[in-house]
Amino acid sequence: MVFNGGSWTYEAKDVDATGAACQDFIIPLFGIGMNEIFAVNSVYPNPTSGAISLELMSKKAGVAGINVVNILGQSVMSFERAVEAGVNTLNADLNVANGTYFVEVTVDGAKSVKRVVVNH
């Protein structure tokens, strides 16, 4: 399958010999646009007590810069993680006060921003 960005779902049904549905499967999918370097699919759990996982897809291996910004626009935490081509899950512990933050992920100059709520 080729996706030009966006989020998609794939639904499959398992049927028995009579054709009756036994089980449904719904699988979330996401893709990268033709001109995009990477895409951040999700940040979870959200809200979080501190530990988060970022799920992203990258066209090539490299380094992701992660910058956590508070609602005043101040950077409160920055770090880097290696990414491989394909789907990546990056884990981080947000050791910050309760509040709303923006997680900025940058790969090869392209940036994606996701909002996360921290509630210890």
PDB file of N, CA and C in Angstrom:
ATOM      1  N   MET A   1       0.832  -1.172   0.000  1.00  0.00           N
ATOM      2  CA  MET A   1       0.000   0.000   0.000  1.00  0.00           C
ATOM      3  C   MET A   1       0.879   1.239   0.000  1.00  0.00           C
ATOM      4  N   VAL A   2       0.414   2.262  -0.684  1.00  0.00           N
ATOM      5  CA  VAL A   2       1.101   3.542  -0.683  1.00  0.00           C
ATOM      6  C   VAL A   2       0.138   4.583  -0.144  1.00  0.00           C
ATOM      7  N   PHE A   3       0.581   5.343   0.836  1.00  0.00           N
ATOM      8  CA  PHE A   3      -0.240   6.389   1.441  1.00  0.00           C
ATOM      9  C   PHE A   3       0.412   7.724   1.148  1.00  0.00           C
ATOM     10  N   ASN A   4      -0.387   8.698   0.802  1.00  0.00           N
ATOM     11  CA  ASN A   4       0.123  10.049   0.625  1.00  0.00           C
ATOM     12  C   ASN A   4      -0.261  10.855   1.851  1.00  0.00           C
ATOM     13  N   GLY A   5       0.366  10.517   2.976  1.00  0.00           N
ATOM     14  CA  GLY A   5       0.102  11.203   4.228  1.00  0.00           C
ATOM     15  C   GLY A   5      -1.218  10.794   4.827  1.00  0.00           C
ATOM     16  N   GLY A   6      -1.521  11.340   5.981  1.00  0.00           N
ATOM     17  CA  GLY A   6      -2.804  11.094   6.626  1.00  0.00           C
ATOM     18  C   GLY A   6      -2.826   9.849   7.474  1.00  0.00           C
ATOM     19  N   SER A   7      -3.941   9.694   8.177  1.00  0.00           N
ATOM     20  CA  SER A   7      -4.160   8.517   9.008  1.00  0.00           C
ATOM     21  C   SER A   7      -5.266   7.684   8.391  1.00  0.00           C
ATOM     22  N   TRP A   8      -5.123   6.387   8.431  1.00  0.00           N
ATOM     23  CA  TRP A   8      -6.059   5.477   7.799  1.00  0.00           C
ATOM     24  C   TRP A   8      -6.316   4.307   8.736  1.00  0.00           C
ATOM     25  N   THR A   9      -7.383   3.568   8.495  1.00  0.00           N
ATOM     26  CA  THR A   9      -7.604   2.315   9.209  1.00  0.00           C
ATOM     27  C   THR A   9      -7.867   1.227   8.187  1.00  0.00           C
ATOM     28  N   TYR A  10      -7.444   0.027   8.519  1.00  0.00           N
ATOM     29  CA  TYR A  10      -7.646  -1.147   7.683  1.00  0.00           C
ATOM     30  C   TYR A  10      -8.498  -2.107   8.483  1.00  0.00           C
ATOM     31  N   GLU A  11      -9.618  -2.545   7.912  1.00  0.00           N
ATOM     32  CA  GLU A  11     -10.514  -3.456   8.614  1.00  0.00           C
ATOM     33  C   GLU A  11     -10.512  -4.804   7.903  1.00  0.00           C
ATOM     34  N   ALA A  12     -10.332  -5.866   8.668  1.00  0.00           N
ATOM     35  CA  ALA A  12     -10.359  -7.230   8.137  1.00  0.00           C
ATOM     36  C   ALA A  12     -11.326  -8.053   8.970  1.00  0.00           C
ATOM     37  N   LYS A  13     -11.986  -9.000   8.329  1.00  0.00           N
ATOM     38  CA  LYS A  13     -12.917  -9.884   9.034  1.00  0.00           C
ATOM     39  C   LYS A  13     -12.459 -11.322   8.858  1.00  0.00           C
ATOM     40  N   ASP A  14     -12.501 -12.058   9.934  1.00  0.00           N
ATOM     41  CA  ASP A  14     -12.218 -13.491   9.926  1.00  0.00           C
ATOM     42  C   ASP A  14     -13.572 -14.189   9.867  1.00  0.00           C
ATOM     43  N   VAL A  15     -13.759 -15.055   8.860  1.00  0.00           N
ATOM     44  CA  VAL A  15     -15.047 -15.748   8.717  1.00  0.00           C
ATOM     45  C   VAL A  15     -14.850 -17.254   8.813  1.00  0.00           C
ATOM     46  N   ASP A  16     -15.918 -17.949   9.243  1.00  0.00           N
ATOM     47  CA  ASP A  16     -15.849 -19.409   9.316  1.00  0.00           C
ATOM     48  C   ASP A  16     -16.297 -20.006   7.982  1.00  0.00           C
ATOM     49  N   ALA A  17     -16.395 -21.331   7.910  1.00  0.00           N
ATOM     50  CA  ALA A  17     -16.728 -22.038   6.672  1.00  0.00           C
ATOM     51  C   ALA A  17     -18.097 -21.648   6.118  1.00  0.00           C
ATOM     52  N   THR A  18     -18.994 -21.181   6.966  1.00  0.00           N
ATOM     53  CA  THR A  18     -20.329 -20.781   6.499  1.00  0.00           C
ATOM     54  C   THR A  18     -20.369 -19.325   6.056  1.00  0.00           C
ATOM     55  N   GLY A  19     -19.272 -18.609   6.241  1.00  0.00           N
ATOM     56  CA  GLY A  19     -19.224 -17.201   5.864  1.00  0.00           C
ATOM     57  C   GLY A  19     -19.605 -16.253   6.982  1.00  0.00           C
ATOM     58  N   ALA A  20     -19.921 -16.806   8.146  1.00  0.00           N
ATOM     59  CA  ALA A  20     -20.278 -15.960   9.286  1.00  0.00           C
ATOM     60  C   ALA A  20     -19.016 -15.337   9.884  1.00  0.00           C
ATOM     61  N   ALA A  21     -19.103 -14.062  10.227  1.00  0.00           N
ATOM     62  CA  ALA A  21     -17.954 -13.359  10.809  1.00  0.00           C
ATOM     63  C   ALA A  21     -17.650 -13.904  12.199  1.00  0.00           C
ATOM     64  N   CYS A  22     -16.391 -14.269  12.408  1.00  0.00           N
ATOM     65  CA  CYS A  22     -15.949 -14.765  13.715  1.00  0.00           C
ATOM     66  C   CYS A  22     -15.282 -13.661  14.523  1.00  0.00           C
ATOM     67  N   GLN A  23     -14.536 -12.814  13.835  1.00  0.00           N
ATOM     68  CA  GLN A  23     -13.773 -11.792  14.531  1.00  0.00           C
ATOM     69  C   GLN A  23     -13.482 -10.652  13.564  1.00  0.00           C
ATOM     70  N   ASP A  24     -13.544  -9.419  14.063  1.00  0.00           N
ATOM     71  CA  ASP A  24     -13.182  -8.242  13.284  1.00  0.00           C
ATOM     72  C   ASP A  24     -11.840  -7.728  13.774  1.00  0.00           C
ATOM     73  N   PHE A  25     -11.036  -7.254  12.850  1.00  0.00           N
ATOM     74  CA  PHE A  25      -9.754  -6.643  13.177  1.00  0.00           C
ATOM     75  C   PHE A  25      -9.749  -5.244  12.582  1.00  0.00           C
ATOM     76  N   ILE A  26      -9.426  -4.238  13.378  1.00  0.00           N
ATOM     77  CA  ILE A  26      -9.265  -2.880  12.875  1.00  0.00           C
ATOM     78  C   ILE A  26      -7.849  -2.453  13.211  1.00  0.00           C
ATOM     79  N   ILE A  27      -7.092  -2.119  12.173  1.00  0.00           N
ATOM     80  CA  ILE A  27      -5.677  -1.810  12.330  1.00  0.00           C
ATOM     81  C   ILE A  27      -5.438  -0.363  11.913  1.00  0.00           C
ATOM     82  N   PRO A  28      -4.936   0.496  12.819  1.00  0.00           N
ATOM     83  CA  PRO A  28      -4.638   1.882  12.425  1.00  0.00           C
ATOM     84  C   PRO A  28      -3.370   1.930  11.579  1.00  0.00           C
ATOM     85  N   LEU A  29      -3.392   2.747  10.536  1.00  0.00           N
ATOM     86  CA  LEU A  29      -2.249   2.917   9.648  1.00  0.00           C
ATOM     87  C   LEU A  29      -1.982   4.404   9.485  1.00  0.00           C
ATOM     88  N   PHE A  30      -0.747   4.756   9.202  1.00  0.00           N
ATOM     89  CA  PHE A  30      -0.458   6.143   8.861  1.00  0.00           C
ATOM     90  C   PHE A  30       0.663   6.162   7.852  1.00  0.00           C
ATOM     91  N   GLY A  31       0.747   7.230   7.107  1.00  0.00           N
ATOM     92  CA  GLY A  31       1.752   7.313   6.061  1.00  0.00           C
ATOM     93  C   GLY A  31       2.423   8.669   6.032  1.00  0.00           C
ATOM     94  N   ILE A  32       3.402   8.765   5.168  1.00  0.00           N
ATOM     95  CA  ILE A  32       4.150   9.994   4.974  1.00  0.00           C
ATOM     96  C   ILE A  32       3.757  10.545   3.616  1.00  0.00           C
ATOM     97  N   GLY A  33       3.515  11.843   3.546  1.00  0.00           N
ATOM     98  CA  GLY A  33       3.222  12.479   2.265  1.00  0.00           C
ATOM     99  C   GLY A  33       4.424  12.380   1.337  1.00  0.00           C
ATOM    100  N   MET A  34       4.186  12.534   0.057  1.00  0.00           N
ATOM    101  CA  MET A  34       5.241  12.386  -0.941  1.00  0.00           C
ATOM    102  C   MET A  34       6.411  13.344  -0.697  1.00  0.00           C
ATOM    103  N   ASN A  35       6.136  14.544  -0.181  1.00  0.00           N
ATOM    104  CA  ASN A  35       7.191  15.530   0.028  1.00  0.00           C
ATOM    105  C   ASN A  35       7.625  15.637   1.483  1.00  0.00           C
ATOM    106  N   GLU A  36       7.118  14.767   2.335  1.00  0.00           N
ATOM    107  CA  GLU A  36       7.462  14.816   3.754  1.00  0.00           C
ATOM    108  C   GLU A  36       8.653  13.918   4.063  1.00  0.00           C
ATOM    109  N   ILE A  37       9.456  14.336   5.035  1.00  0.00           N
ATOM    110  CA  ILE A  37      10.607  13.556   5.482  1.00  0.00           C
ATOM    111  C   ILE A  37      10.177  12.555   6.547  1.00  0.00           C
ATOM    112  N   PHE A  38       9.250  12.992   7.418  1.00  0.00           N
ATOM    113  CA  PHE A  38       8.777  12.134   8.492  1.00  0.00           C
ATOM    114  C   PHE A  38       7.400  12.604   8.918  1.00  0.00           C
ATOM    115  N   ALA A  39       6.727  11.796   9.714  1.00  0.00           N
ATOM    116  CA  ALA A  39       5.422  12.163  10.273  1.00  0.00           C
ATOM    117  C   ALA A  39       5.318  11.594  11.676  1.00  0.00           C
ATOM    118  N   VAL A  40       4.849  12.414  12.616  1.00  0.00           N
ATOM    119  CA  VAL A  40       4.590  11.937  13.973  1.00  0.00           C
ATOM    120  C   VAL A  40       3.137  11.498  14.013  1.00  0.00           C
ATOM    121  N   ASN A  41       2.914  10.216  14.266  1.00  0.00           N
ATOM    122  CA  ASN A  41       1.558   9.677  14.310  1.00  0.00           C
ATOM    123  C   ASN A  41       0.883   9.995  15.627  1.00  0.00           C
ATOM    124  N   SER A  42       1.571   9.760  16.738  1.00  0.00           N
ATOM    125  CA  SER A  42       0.923   9.969  18.032  1.00  0.00           C
ATOM    126  C   SER A  42       1.939  10.157  19.152  1.00  0.00           C
ATOM    127  N   VAL A  43       1.436  10.763  20.220  1.00  0.00           N
ATOM    128  CA  VAL A  43       2.165  10.868  21.483  1.00  0.00           C
ATOM    129  C   VAL A  43       1.235  10.273  22.525  1.00  0.00           C
ATOM    130  N   TYR A  44       1.700   9.253  23.217  1.00  0.00           N
ATOM    131  CA  TYR A  44       0.826   8.584  24.186  1.00  0.00           C
ATOM    132  C   TYR A  44       1.624   8.137  25.400  1.00  0.00           C
ATOM    133  N   PRO A  45       0.998   7.944  26.562  1.00  0.00           N
ATOM    134  CA  PRO A  45      -0.393   8.298  26.848  1.00  0.00           C
ATOM    135  C   PRO A  45      -0.525   9.813  26.944  1.00  0.00           C
ATOM    136  N   ASN A  46      -1.712  10.298  26.704  1.00  0.00           N
ATOM    137  CA  ASN A  46      -1.974  11.724  26.762  1.00  0.00           C
ATOM    138  C   ASN A  46      -3.385  11.940  27.271  1.00  0.00           C
ATOM    139  N   PRO A  47      -3.550  12.419  28.503  1.00  0.00           N
ATOM    140  CA  PRO A  47      -2.536  12.977  29.404  1.00  0.00           C
ATOM    141  C   PRO A  47      -1.595  11.906  29.953  1.00  0.00           C
ATOM    142  N   THR A  48      -0.459  12.384  30.453  1.00  0.00           N
ATOM    143  CA  THR A  48       0.568  11.491  30.977  1.00  0.00           C
ATOM    144  C   THR A  48       0.984  11.920  32.380  1.00  0.00           C
ATOM    145  N   SER A  49       1.519  10.964  33.126  1.00  0.00           N
ATOM    146  CA  SER A  49       2.096  11.304  34.429  1.00  0.00           C
ATOM    147  C   SER A  49       3.580  11.625  34.277  1.00  0.00           C
ATOM    148  N   GLY A  50       4.110  11.522  33.067  1.00  0.00           N
ATOM    149  CA  GLY A  50       5.505  11.875  32.812  1.00  0.00           C
ATOM    150  C   GLY A  50       6.128  11.100  31.672  1.00  0.00           C
ATOM    151  N   ALA A  51       5.971   9.774  31.667  1.00  0.00           N
ATOM    152  CA  ALA A  51       6.573   8.956  30.613  1.00  0.00           C
ATOM    153  C   ALA A  51       5.696   8.998  29.368  1.00  0.00           C
ATOM    154  N   ILE A  52       6.317   9.280  28.205  1.00  0.00           N
ATOM    155  CA  ILE A  52       5.576   9.295  26.947  1.00  0.00           C
ATOM    156  C   ILE A  52       6.288   8.450  25.905  1.00  0.00           C
ATOM    157  N   SER A  53       5.540   8.066  24.895  1.00  0.00           N
ATOM    158  CA  SER A  53       6.080   7.411  23.708  1.00  0.00           C
ATOM    159  C   SER A  53       5.626   8.215  22.500  1.00  0.00           C
ATOM    160  N   LEU A  54       6.552   8.485  21.597  1.00  0.00           N
ATOM    161  CA  LEU A  54       6.236   9.169  20.350  1.00  0.00           C
ATOM    162  C   LEU A  54       6.348   8.143  19.237  1.00  0.00           C
ATOM    163  N   GLU A  55       5.300   7.985  18.467  1.00  0.00           N
ATOM    164  CA  GLU A  55       5.340   7.066  17.334  1.00  0.00           C
ATOM    165  C   GLU A  55       5.491   7.896  16.070  1.00  0.00           C
ATOM    166  N   LEU A  56       6.577   7.657  15.337  1.00  0.00           N
ATOM    167  CA  LEU A  56       6.798   8.412  14.109  1.00  0.00           C
ATOM    168  C   LEU A  56       7.286   7.513  12.996  1.00  0.00           C
ATOM    169  N   MET A  57       7.054   7.973  11.765  1.00  0.00           N
ATOM    170  CA  MET A  57       7.521   7.261  10.584  1.00  0.00           C
ATOM    171  C   MET A  57       8.516   8.173   9.870  1.00  0.00           C
ATOM    172  N   SER A  58       9.666   7.612   9.506  1.00  0.00           N
ATOM    173  CA  SER A  58      10.703   8.384   8.840  1.00  0.00           C
ATOM    174  C   SER A  58      11.056   7.730   7.509  1.00  0.00           C
ATOM    175  N   LYS A  59      11.323   8.551   6.496  1.00  0.00           N
ATOM    176  CA  LYS A  59      11.712   8.004   5.195  1.00  0.00           C
ATOM    177  C   LYS A  59      13.128   7.444   5.215  1.00  0.00           C
ATOM    178  N   LYS A  60      13.969   7.961   6.133  1.00  0.00           N
ATOM    179  CA  LYS A  60      15.345   7.470   6.191  1.00  0.00           C
ATOM    180  C   LYS A  60      15.866   7.534   7.615  1.00  0.00           C
ATOM    181  N   ALA A  61      16.959   6.846   7.848  1.00  0.00           N
ATOM    182  CA  ALA A  61      17.588   6.864   9.172  1.00  0.00           C
ATOM    183  C   ALA A  61      18.200   8.232   9.429  1.00  0.00           C
ATOM    184  N   GLY A  62      18.242   8.607  10.693  1.00  0.00           N
ATOM    185  CA  GLY A  62      18.822   9.897  11.052  1.00  0.00           C
ATOM    186  C   GLY A  62      18.673  10.158  12.531  1.00  0.00           C
ATOM    187  N   VAL A  63      18.640  11.428  12.878  1.00  0.00           N
ATOM    188  CA  VAL A  63      18.505  11.845  14.270  1.00  0.00           C
ATOM    189  C   VAL A  63      17.291  12.752  14.396  1.00  0.00           C
ATOM    190  N   ALA A  64      16.460  12.460  15.383  1.00  0.00           N
ATOM    191  CA  ALA A  64      15.303  13.307  15.683  1.00  0.00           C
ATOM    192  C   ALA A  64      15.654  14.184  16.871  1.00  0.00           C
ATOM    193  N   GLY A  65      15.488  15.476  16.716  1.00  0.00           N
ATOM    194  CA  GLY A  65      15.649  16.407  17.823  1.00  0.00           C
ATOM    195  C   GLY A  65      14.289  16.630  18.461  1.00  0.00           C
ATOM    196  N   ILE A  66      14.194  16.458  19.757  1.00  0.00           N
ATOM    197  CA  ILE A  66      12.928  16.634  20.467  1.00  0.00           C
ATOM    198  C   ILE A  66      13.087  17.814  21.419  1.00  0.00           C
ATOM    199  N   ASN A  67      12.172  18.766  21.311  1.00  0.00           N
ATOM    200  CA  ASN A  67      12.180  19.955  22.155  1.00  0.00           C
ATOM    201  C   ASN A  67      10.812  20.055  22.811  1.00  0.00           C
ATOM    202  N   VAL A  68      10.774  20.148  24.130  1.00  0.00           N
ATOM    203  CA  VAL A  68       9.521  20.266  24.873  1.00  0.00           C
ATOM    204  C   VAL A  68       9.378  21.728  25.290  1.00  0.00           C
ATOM    205  N   VAL A  69       8.240  22.326  24.901  1.00  0.00           N
ATOM    206  CA  VAL A  69       8.009  23.751  25.099  1.00  0.00           C
ATOM    207  C   VAL A  69       6.768  23.946  25.961  1.00  0.00           C
ATOM    208  N   ASN A  70       6.841  24.852  26.954  1.00  0.00           N
ATOM    209  CA  ASN A  70       5.664  25.133  27.782  1.00  0.00           C
ATOM    210  C   ASN A  70       4.739  26.116  27.059  1.00  0.00           C
ATOM    211  N   ILE A  71       3.601  26.445  27.678  1.00  0.00           N
ATOM    212  CA  ILE A  71       2.631  27.308  26.991  1.00  0.00           C
ATOM    213  C   ILE A  71       3.102  28.756  26.872  1.00  0.00           C
ATOM    214  N   LEU A  72       4.198  29.100  27.542  1.00  0.00           N
ATOM    215  CA  LEU A  72       4.786  30.430  27.402  1.00  0.00           C
ATOM    216  C   LEU A  72       5.801  30.476  26.263  1.00  0.00           C
ATOM    217  N   GLY A  73       6.021  29.334  25.602  1.00  0.00           N
ATOM    218  CA  GLY A  73       6.977  29.263  24.503  1.00  0.00           C
ATOM    219  C   GLY A  73       8.405  29.015  24.947  1.00  0.00           C
ATOM    220  N   GLN A  74       8.592  28.686  26.216  1.00  0.00           N
ATOM    221  CA  GLN A  74       9.932  28.441  26.750  1.00  0.00           C
ATOM    222  C   GLN A  74      10.294  26.968  26.610  1.00  0.00           C
ATOM    223  N   SER A  75      11.495  26.706  26.111  1.00  0.00           N
ATOM    224  CA  SER A  75      11.985  25.332  26.024  1.00  0.00           C
ATOM    225  C   SER A  75      12.322  24.845  27.428  1.00  0.00           C
ATOM    226  N   VAL A  76      11.711  23.734  27.843  1.00  0.00           N
ATOM    227  CA  VAL A  76      11.953  23.203  29.188  1.00  0.00           C
ATOM    228  C   VAL A  76      12.760  21.907  29.156  1.00  0.00           C
ATOM    229  N   MET A  77      12.918  21.327  27.972  1.00  0.00           N
ATOM    230  CA  MET A  77      13.658  20.072  27.864  1.00  0.00           C
ATOM    231  C   MET A  77      13.985  19.834  26.389  1.00  0.00           C
ATOM    232  N   SER A  78      15.198  19.391  26.114  1.00  0.00           N
ATOM    233  CA  SER A  78      15.604  19.050  24.749  1.00  0.00           C
ATOM    234  C   SER A  78      16.461  17.799  24.782  1.00  0.00           C
ATOM    235  N   PHE A  79      16.300  16.953  23.775  1.00  0.00           N
ATOM    236  CA  PHE A  79      17.128  15.757  23.663  1.00  0.00           C
ATOM    237  C   PHE A  79      17.057  15.244  22.233  1.00  0.00           C
ATOM    238  N   GLU A  80      17.914  14.291  21.912  1.00  0.00           N
ATOM    239  CA  GLU A  80      17.945  13.686  20.583  1.00  0.00           C
ATOM    240  C   GLU A  80      17.786  12.187  20.694  1.00  0.00           C
ATOM    241  N   ARG A  81      17.209  11.596  19.650  1.00  0.00           N
ATOM    242  CA  ARG A  81      17.067  10.145  19.563  1.00  0.00           C
ATOM    243  C   ARG A  81      17.367   9.722  18.121  1.00  0.00           C
ATOM    244  N   ALA A  82      18.029   8.590  17.977  1.00  0.00           N
ATOM    245  CA  ALA A  82      18.268   8.029  16.649  1.00  0.00           C
ATOM    246  C   ALA A  82      16.968   7.445  16.108  1.00  0.00           C
ATOM    247  N   VAL A  83      16.730   7.613  14.806  1.00  0.00           N
ATOM    248  CA  VAL A  83      15.563   7.014  14.159  1.00  0.00           C
ATOM    249  C   VAL A  83      16.030   6.194  12.961  1.00  0.00           C
ATOM    250  N   GLU A  84      15.306   5.145  12.690  1.00  0.00           N
ATOM    251  CA  GLU A  84      15.555   4.292  11.531  1.00  0.00           C
ATOM    252  C   GLU A  84      14.514   4.604  10.465  1.00  0.00           C
ATOM    253  N   ALA A  85      14.764   4.193   9.242  1.00  0.00           N
ATOM    254  CA  ALA A  85      13.750   4.320   8.201  1.00  0.00           C
ATOM    255  C   ALA A  85      12.581   3.420   8.573  1.00  0.00           C
ATOM    256  N   GLY A  86      11.362   3.927   8.468  1.00  0.00           N
ATOM    257  CA  GLY A  86      10.176   3.161   8.834  1.00  0.00           C
ATOM    258  C   GLY A  86       9.566   3.680  10.121  1.00  0.00           C
ATOM    259  N   VAL A  87       8.822   2.820  10.802  1.00  0.00           N
ATOM    260  CA  VAL A  87       8.120   3.205  12.027  1.00  0.00           C
ATOM    261  C   VAL A  87       9.064   3.136  13.224  1.00  0.00           C
ATOM    262  N   ASN A  88       9.051   4.172  14.043  1.00  0.00           N
ATOM    263  CA  ASN A  88       9.890   4.268  15.236  1.00  0.00           C
ATOM    264  C   ASN A  88       9.029   4.621  16.438  1.00  0.00           C
ATOM    265  N   THR A  89       9.378   4.081  17.598  1.00  0.00           N
ATOM    266  CA  THR A  89       8.757   4.488  18.853  1.00  0.00           C
ATOM    267  C   THR A  89       9.858   5.042  19.742  1.00  0.00           C
ATOM    268  N   LEU A  90       9.749   6.328  20.074  1.00  0.00           N
ATOM    269  CA  LEU A  90      10.740   6.999  20.908  1.00  0.00           C
ATOM    270  C   LEU A  90      10.142   7.214  22.287  1.00  0.00           C
ATOM    271  N   ASN A  91      10.847   6.786  23.311  1.00  0.00           N
ATOM    272  CA  ASN A  91      10.362   6.918  24.686  1.00  0.00           C
ATOM    273  C   ASN A  91      11.111   8.035  25.398  1.00  0.00           C
ATOM    274  N   ALA A  92      10.380   8.756  26.250  1.00  0.00           N
ATOM    275  CA  ALA A  92      10.988   9.847  27.005  1.00  0.00           C
ATOM    276  C   ALA A  92      10.263  10.017  28.329  1.00  0.00           C
ATOM    277  N   ASP A  93      10.995  10.511  29.321  1.00  0.00           N
ATOM    278  CA  ASP A  93      10.396  10.821  30.613  1.00  0.00           C
ATOM    279  C   ASP A  93      10.362  12.337  30.746  1.00  0.00           C
ATOM    280  N   LEU A  94       9.160  12.896  30.728  1.00  0.00           N
ATOM    281  CA  LEU A  94       9.005  14.341  30.859  1.00  0.00           C
ATOM    282  C   LEU A  94       9.018  14.705  32.334  1.00  0.00           C
ATOM    283  N   ASN A  95      10.169  15.095  32.805  1.00  0.00           N
ATOM    284  CA  ASN A  95      10.333  15.481  34.204  1.00  0.00           C
ATOM    285  C   ASN A  95      10.036  16.975  34.319  1.00  0.00           C
ATOM    286  N   VAL A  96       8.746  17.312  34.149  1.00  0.00           N
ATOM    287  CA  VAL A  96       8.309  18.708  34.160  1.00  0.00           C
ATOM    288  C   VAL A  96       7.091  18.844  35.071  1.00  0.00           C
ATOM    289  N   ALA A  97       6.751  20.073  35.417  1.00  0.00           N
ATOM    290  CA  ALA A  97       5.584  20.347  36.268  1.00  0.00           C
ATOM    291  C   ALA A  97       4.290  20.045  35.511  1.00  0.00           C
ATOM    292  N   ASN A  98       3.206  19.875  36.245  1.00  0.00           N
ATOM    293  CA  ASN A  98       1.894  19.683  35.623  1.00  0.00           C
ATOM    294  C   ASN A  98       1.601  20.837  34.669  1.00  0.00           C
ATOM    295  N   GLY A  99       0.975  20.526  33.548  1.00  0.00           N
ATOM    296  CA  GLY A  99       0.607  21.574  32.600  1.00  0.00           C
ATOM    297  C   GLY A  99       0.526  21.051  31.187  1.00  0.00           C
ATOM    298  N   THR A 100       0.295  21.975  30.265  1.00  0.00           N
ATOM    299  CA  THR A 100       0.213  21.662  28.839  1.00  0.00           C
ATOM    300  C   THR A 100       1.539  22.015  28.187  1.00  0.00           C
ATOM    301  N   TYR A 101       2.036  21.107  27.363  1.00  0.00           N
ATOM    302  CA  TYR A 101       3.316  21.287  26.688  1.00  0.00           C
ATOM    303  C   TYR A 101       3.170  20.941  25.215  1.00  0.00           C
ATOM    304  N   PHE A 102       4.119  21.422  24.426  1.00  0.00           N
ATOM    305  CA  PHE A 102       4.176  21.089  23.013  1.00  0.00           C
ATOM    306  C   PHE A 102       5.479  20.346  22.768  1.00  0.00           C
ATOM    307  N   VAL A 103       5.374  19.167  22.178  1.00  0.00           N
ATOM    308  CA  VAL A 103       6.541  18.355  21.863  1.00  0.00           C
ATOM    309  C   VAL A 103       6.866  18.598  20.396  1.00  0.00           C
ATOM    310  N   GLU A 104       7.987  19.276  20.156  1.00  0.00           N
ATOM    311  CA  GLU A 104       8.431  19.580  18.799  1.00  0.00           C
ATOM    312  C   GLU A 104       9.455  18.528  18.385  1.00  0.00           C
ATOM    313  N   VAL A 105       9.189  17.856  17.287  1.00  0.00           N
ATOM    314  CA  VAL A 105      10.107  16.843  16.769  1.00  0.00           C
ATOM    315  C   VAL A 105      10.646  17.353  15.439  1.00  0.00           C
ATOM    316  N   THR A 106      11.980  17.389  15.298  1.00  0.00           N
ATOM    317  CA  THR A 106      12.614  17.883  14.079  1.00  0.00           C
ATOM    318  C   THR A 106      13.526  16.802  13.510  1.00  0.00           C
ATOM    319  N   VAL A 107      13.351  16.526  12.222  1.00  0.00           N
ATOM    320  CA  VAL A 107      14.208  15.581  11.498  1.00  0.00           C
ATOM    321  C   VAL A 107      14.605  16.252  10.188  1.00  0.00           C
ATOM    322  N   ASP A 108      15.890  16.371   9.928  1.00  0.00           N
ATOM    323  CA  ASP A 108      16.402  16.999   8.697  1.00  0.00           C
ATOM    324  C   ASP A 108      15.745  18.339   8.392  1.00  0.00           C
ATOM    325  N   GLY A 109      15.535  19.163   9.412  1.00  0.00           N
ATOM    326  CA  GLY A 109      14.976  20.492   9.214  1.00  0.00           C
ATOM    327  C   GLY A 109      13.459  20.558   9.146  1.00  0.00           C
ATOM    328  N   ALA A 110      12.787  19.421   9.030  1.00  0.00           N
ATOM    329  CA  ALA A 110      11.317  19.386   9.022  1.00  0.00           C
ATOM    330  C   ALA A 110      10.829  19.229  10.453  1.00  0.00           C
ATOM    331  N   LYS A 111       9.734  19.933  10.806  1.00  0.00           N
ATOM    332  CA  LYS A 111       9.262  19.905  12.192  1.00  0.00           C
ATOM    333  C   LYS A 111       7.798  19.497  12.262  1.00  0.00           C
ATOM    334  N   SER A 112       7.476  18.724  13.308  1.00  0.00           N
ATOM    335  CA  SER A 112       6.103  18.348  13.632  1.00  0.00           C
ATOM    336  C   SER A 112       5.899  18.637  15.114  1.00  0.00           C
ATOM    337  N   VAL A 113       4.718  19.153  15.470  1.00  0.00           N
ATOM    338  CA  VAL A 113       4.437  19.533  16.854  1.00  0.00           C
ATOM    339  C   VAL A 113       3.192  18.807  17.341  1.00  0.00           C
ATOM    340  N   LYS A 114       3.284  18.222  18.528  1.00  0.00           N
ATOM    341  CA  LYS A 114       2.142  17.557  19.170  1.00  0.00           C
ATOM    342  C   LYS A 114       1.973  18.127  20.570  1.00  0.00           C
ATOM    343  N   ARG A 115       0.720  18.281  20.988  1.00  0.00           N
ATOM    344  CA  ARG A 115       0.411  18.786  22.330  1.00  0.00           C
ATOM    345  C   ARG A 115       0.296  17.614  23.292  1.00  0.00           C
ATOM    346  N   VAL A 116       0.800  17.793  24.514  1.00  0.00           N
ATOM    347  CA  VAL A 116       0.689  16.765  25.545  1.00  0.00           C
ATOM    348  C   VAL A 116       0.382  17.443  26.884  1.00  0.00           C
ATOM    349  N   VAL A 117      -0.442  16.791  27.679  1.00  0.00           N
ATOM    350  CA  VAL A 117      -0.791  17.295  29.006  1.00  0.00           C
ATOM    351  C   VAL A 117      -0.107  16.417  30.048  1.00  0.00           C
ATOM    352  N   VAL A 118       0.630  17.055  30.966  1.00  0.00           N
ATOM    353  CA  VAL A 118       1.304  16.341  32.051  1.00  0.00           C
ATOM    354  C   VAL A 118       0.499  16.573  33.321  1.00  0.00           C
ATOM    355  N   ASN A 119       0.147  15.467  33.989  1.00  0.00           N
ATOM    356  CA  ASN A 119      -0.624  15.538  35.228  1.00  0.00           C
ATOM    357  C   ASN A 119      -0.115  14.441  36.157  1.00  0.00           C
ATOM    358  N   HIS A 120       0.785  14.804  37.074  1.00  0.00           N
ATOM    359  CA  HIS A 120       1.389  13.821  37.993  1.00  0.00           C
ATOM    360  C   HIS A 120       0.399  13.340  39.016  1.00  0.00           C
TER     361      HIS A 120
END
